[in-house]
Every structure is written in structure tokens, then in C-alpha cells.
PDB file of N, CA and C in Angstrom:
ATOM      1  N   MET A   1      10.410  -2.584  -0.901  1.00  0.00           N
ATOM      2  CA  MET A   1       9.449  -1.604  -1.355  1.00  0.00           C
ATOM      3  C   MET A   1       8.295  -2.276  -2.093  1.00  0.00           C
ATOM      4  N   ARG A   2       8.622  -3.230  -2.950  1.00  0.00           N
ATOM      5  CA  ARG A   2       7.556  -3.913  -3.688  1.00  0.00           C
ATOM      6  C   ARG A   2       6.607  -4.631  -2.751  1.00  0.00           C
ATOM      7  N   GLY A   3       7.159  -5.180  -1.686  1.00  0.00           N
ATOM      8  CA  GLY A   3       6.326  -5.878  -0.720  1.00  0.00           C
ATOM      9  C   GLY A   3       5.341  -4.946  -0.040  1.00  0.00           C
ATOM     10  N   VAL A   4       5.785  -3.730   0.267  1.00  0.00           N
ATOM     11  CA  VAL A   4       4.913  -2.746   0.902  1.00  0.00           C
ATOM     12  C   VAL A   4       3.780  -2.374  -0.047  1.00  0.00           C
ATOM     13  N   VAL A   5       4.135  -2.083  -1.293  1.00  0.00           N
ATOM     14  CA  VAL A   5       3.121  -1.707  -2.273  1.00  0.00           C
ATOM     15  C   VAL A   5       2.171  -2.874  -2.529  1.00  0.00           C
ATOM     16  N   ALA A   6       2.710  -4.075  -2.643  1.00  0.00           N
ATOM     17  CA  ALA A   6       1.858  -5.253  -2.857  1.00  0.00           C
ATOM     18  C   ALA A   6       0.890  -5.433  -1.694  1.00  0.00           C
ATOM     19  N   HIS A   7       1.367  -5.192  -0.483  1.00  0.00           N
ATOM     20  CA  HIS A   7       0.507  -5.298   0.695  1.00  0.00           C
ATOM     21  C   HIS A   7      -0.627  -4.270   0.625  1.00  0.00           C
ATOM     22  N   PHE A   8      -0.280  -3.025   0.292  1.00  0.00           N
ATOM     23  CA  PHE A   8      -1.303  -1.984   0.182  1.00  0.00           C
ATOM     24  C   PHE A   8      -2.324  -2.337  -0.886  1.00  0.00           C
ATOM     25  N   VAL A   9      -1.865  -2.774  -2.049  1.00  0.00           N
ATOM     26  CA  VAL A   9      -2.784  -3.100  -3.134  1.00  0.00           C
ATOM     27  C   VAL A   9      -3.674  -4.263  -2.734  1.00  0.00           C
ATOM     28  N   GLY A  10      -3.093  -5.281  -2.116  1.00  0.00           N
ATOM     29  CA  GLY A  10      -3.877  -6.424  -1.671  1.00  0.00           C
ATOM     30  C   GLY A  10      -4.921  -6.038  -0.644  1.00  0.00           C
ATOM     31  N   THR A  11      -4.539  -5.183   0.289  1.00  0.00           N
ATOM     32  CA  THR A  11      -5.474  -4.729   1.311  1.00  0.00           C
ATOM     33  C   THR A  11      -6.605  -3.917   0.699  1.00  0.00           C
ATOM     34  N   MET A  12      -6.251  -3.014  -0.212  1.00  0.00           N
ATOM     35  CA  MET A  12      -7.283  -2.202  -0.856  1.00  0.00           C
ATOM     36  C   MET A  12      -8.185  -3.060  -1.736  1.00  0.00           C
ATOM     37  N   ALA A  13      -7.627  -4.061  -2.392  1.00  0.00           N
ATOM     38  CA  ALA A  13      -8.434  -4.949  -3.234  1.00  0.00           C
ATOM     39  C   ALA A  13      -9.470  -5.690  -2.389  1.00  0.00           C
ATOM     40  N   LYS A  14      -9.090  -6.064  -1.177  1.00  0.00           N
ATOM     41  CA  LYS A  14     -10.047  -6.728  -0.291  1.00  0.00           C
ATOM     42  C   LYS A  14     -11.185  -5.788   0.096  1.00  0.00           C
ATOM     43  N   ARG A  15     -10.868  -4.501   0.192  1.00  0.00           N
ATOM     44  CA  ARG A  15     -11.878  -3.524   0.604  1.00  0.00           C
ATOM     45  C   ARG A  15     -12.796  -3.113  -0.541  1.00  0.00           C
ATOM     46  N   VAL A  16     -12.248  -2.993  -1.756  1.00  0.00           N
ATOM     47  CA  VAL A  16     -13.043  -2.472  -2.870  1.00  0.00           C
ATOM     48  C   VAL A  16     -13.466  -3.550  -3.849  1.00  0.00           C
ATOM     49  N   GLY A  17     -13.033  -4.759  -3.645  1.00  0.00           N
ATOM     50  CA  GLY A  17     -13.367  -5.841  -4.567  1.00  0.00           C
ATOM     51  C   GLY A  17     -12.099  -6.406  -5.195  1.00  0.00           C
ATOM     52  N   PRO A  18     -12.254  -7.400  -6.034  1.00  0.00           N
ATOM     53  CA  PRO A  18     -11.094  -8.120  -6.550  1.00  0.00           C
ATOM     54  C   PRO A  18     -10.325  -7.399  -7.653  1.00  0.00           C
ATOM     55  N   ASP A  19     -10.729  -6.194  -8.033  1.00  0.00           N
ATOM     56  CA  ASP A  19     -10.069  -5.480  -9.121  1.00  0.00           C
ATOM     57  C   ASP A  19      -8.785  -4.815  -8.614  1.00  0.00           C
ATOM     58  N   GLU A  20      -7.640  -5.483  -8.814  1.00  0.00           N
ATOM     59  CA  GLU A  20      -6.376  -4.953  -8.318  1.00  0.00           C
ATOM     60  C   GLU A  20      -5.948  -3.683  -9.040  1.00  0.00           C
ATOM     61  N   ASP A  21      -6.337  -3.519 -10.298  1.00  0.00           N
ATOM     62  CA  ASP A  21      -5.995  -2.286 -11.010  1.00  0.00           C
ATOM     63  C   ASP A  21      -6.657  -1.081 -10.350  1.00  0.00           C
ATOM     64  N   GLU A  22      -7.912  -1.244  -9.995  1.00  0.00           N
ATOM     65  CA  GLU A  22      -8.610  -0.159  -9.304  1.00  0.00           C
ATOM     66  C   GLU A  22      -8.007   0.069  -7.926  1.00  0.00           C
ATOM     67  N   ALA A  23      -7.691  -1.003  -7.236  1.00  0.00           N
ATOM     68  CA  ALA A  23      -7.103  -0.892  -5.902  1.00  0.00           C
ATOM     69  C   ALA A  23      -5.758  -0.180  -5.961  1.00  0.00           C
ATOM     70  N   ALA A  24      -4.965  -0.452  -6.998  1.00  0.00           N
ATOM     71  CA  ALA A  24      -3.649   0.182  -7.131  1.00  0.00           C
ATOM     72  C   ALA A  24      -3.786   1.692  -7.241  1.00  0.00           C
ATOM     73  N   HIS A  25      -4.860   2.172  -7.848  1.00  0.00           N
ATOM     74  CA  HIS A  25      -5.062   3.610  -7.981  1.00  0.00           C
ATOM     75  C   HIS A  25      -5.430   4.251  -6.647  1.00  0.00           C
ATOM     76  N   LEU A  26      -5.881   3.471  -5.697  1.00  0.00           N
ATOM     77  CA  LEU A  26      -6.255   4.004  -4.391  1.00  0.00           C
ATOM     78  C   LEU A  26      -5.074   4.119  -3.440  1.00  0.00           C
ATOM     79  N   VAL A  27      -3.968   3.484  -3.784  1.00  0.00           N
ATOM     80  CA  VAL A  27      -2.772   3.528  -2.944  1.00  0.00           C
ATOM     81  C   VAL A  27      -1.995   4.790  -3.309  1.00  0.00           C
ATOM     82  N   THR A  28      -1.860   5.679  -2.349  1.00  0.00           N
ATOM     83  CA  THR A  28      -1.170   6.937  -2.609  1.00  0.00           C
ATOM     84  C   THR A  28       0.281   6.877  -2.133  1.00  0.00           C
ATOM     85  N   ARG A  29       1.084   7.749  -2.677  1.00  0.00           N
ATOM     86  CA  ARG A  29       2.482   7.853  -2.228  1.00  0.00           C
ATOM     87  C   ARG A  29       2.540   8.199  -0.754  1.00  0.00           C
ATOM     88  N   GLU A  30       1.621   9.024  -0.321  1.00  0.00           N
ATOM     89  CA  GLU A  30       1.609   9.436   1.080  1.00  0.00           C
ATOM     90  C   GLU A  30       1.332   8.260   2.003  1.00  0.00           C
ATOM     91  N   ALA A  31       0.400   7.393   1.597  1.00  0.00           N
ATOM     92  CA  ALA A  31       0.073   6.225   2.419  1.00  0.00           C
ATOM     93  C   ALA A  31       1.270   5.291   2.540  1.00  0.00           C
ATOM     94  N   VAL A  32       1.971   5.087   1.442  1.00  0.00           N
ATOM     95  CA  VAL A  32       3.165   4.234   1.473  1.00  0.00           C
ATOM     96  C   VAL A  32       4.239   4.885   2.339  1.00  0.00           C
ATOM     97  N   ALA A  33       4.442   6.176   2.189  1.00  0.00           N
ATOM     98  CA  ALA A  33       5.436   6.889   2.985  1.00  0.00           C
ATOM     99  C   ALA A  33       5.108   6.832   4.472  1.00  0.00           C
ATOM    100  N   ASP A  34       3.828   6.903   4.818  1.00  0.00           N
ATOM    101  CA  ASP A  34       3.414   6.833   6.223  1.00  0.00           C
ATOM    102  C   ASP A  34       3.800   5.517   6.873  1.00  0.00           C
ATOM    103  N   VAL A  35       3.930   4.470   6.083  1.00  0.00           N
ATOM    104  CA  VAL A  35       4.337   3.171   6.617  1.00  0.00           C
ATOM    105  C   VAL A  35       5.857   3.026   6.597  1.00  0.00           C
ATOM    106  N   ILE A  36       6.478   3.477   5.522  1.00  0.00           N
ATOM    107  CA  ILE A  36       7.918   3.290   5.352  1.00  0.00           C
ATOM    108  C   ILE A  36       8.725   4.156   6.328  1.00  0.00           C
ATOM    109  N   MET A  37       8.347   5.402   6.505  1.00  0.00           N
ATOM    110  CA  MET A  37       9.130   6.311   7.328  1.00  0.00           C
ATOM    111  C   MET A  37       9.282   5.821   8.772  1.00  0.00           C
ATOM    112  N   PRO A  38       8.212   5.434   9.461  1.00  0.00           N
ATOM    113  CA  PRO A  38       8.396   4.919  10.818  1.00  0.00           C
ATOM    114  C   PRO A  38       9.224   3.635  10.854  1.00  0.00           C
ATOM    115  N   ALA A  39       9.063   2.797   9.843  1.00  0.00           N
ATOM    116  CA  ALA A  39       9.815   1.541   9.821  1.00  0.00           C
ATOM    117  C   ALA A  39      11.309   1.790   9.672  1.00  0.00           C
ATOM    118  N   THR A  40      11.691   2.778   8.879  1.00  0.00           N
ATOM    119  CA  THR A  40      13.113   3.073   8.709  1.00  0.00           C
ATOM    120  C   THR A  40      13.671   3.793   9.927  1.00  0.00           C
ATOM    121  N   ALA A  41      12.835   4.531  10.646  1.00  0.00           N
ATOM    122  CA  ALA A  41      13.280   5.230  11.841  1.00  0.00           C
ATOM    123  C   ALA A  41      13.598   4.274  12.975  1.00  0.00           C
ATOM    124  N   GLU A  42      13.001   3.075  12.956  1.00  0.00           N
ATOM    125  CA  GLU A  42      13.216   2.096  14.013  1.00  0.00           C
ATOM    126  C   GLU A  42      14.594   1.454  13.942  1.00  0.00           C
ATOM    127  N   ARG A  43      15.219   1.531  12.795  1.00  0.00           N
ATOM    128  CA  ARG A  43      16.533   0.880  12.631  1.00  0.00           C
ATOM    129  C   ARG A  43      17.603   1.654  13.229  1.00  0.00           C
TER     130      ARG A  43
END
């Protein structure tokens, strides 16, 4: 889970600039769920 969130924050930081705190606020629960749910369904 931490890896998924870290990936989202890193990706958003690249898009909005180097401020990871600001990028973390752009990562929503829904966005994380949209990635996790299909990945767990594949197992």
C-alpha cells in the first residue's frame, strides 16, 4: 500500500513541482482505490 501511495505522490510531484506535501494532497482515496481494486481482482 505504501508503495502505491508513494508512486502516486511521486507522479503528482512531477506534474505540480517538487513540493511533495502539495502533491500528497492531490492524491485522493478514489484514485488509489482505482489502482488497487483491479490489481487485487487479477489474483
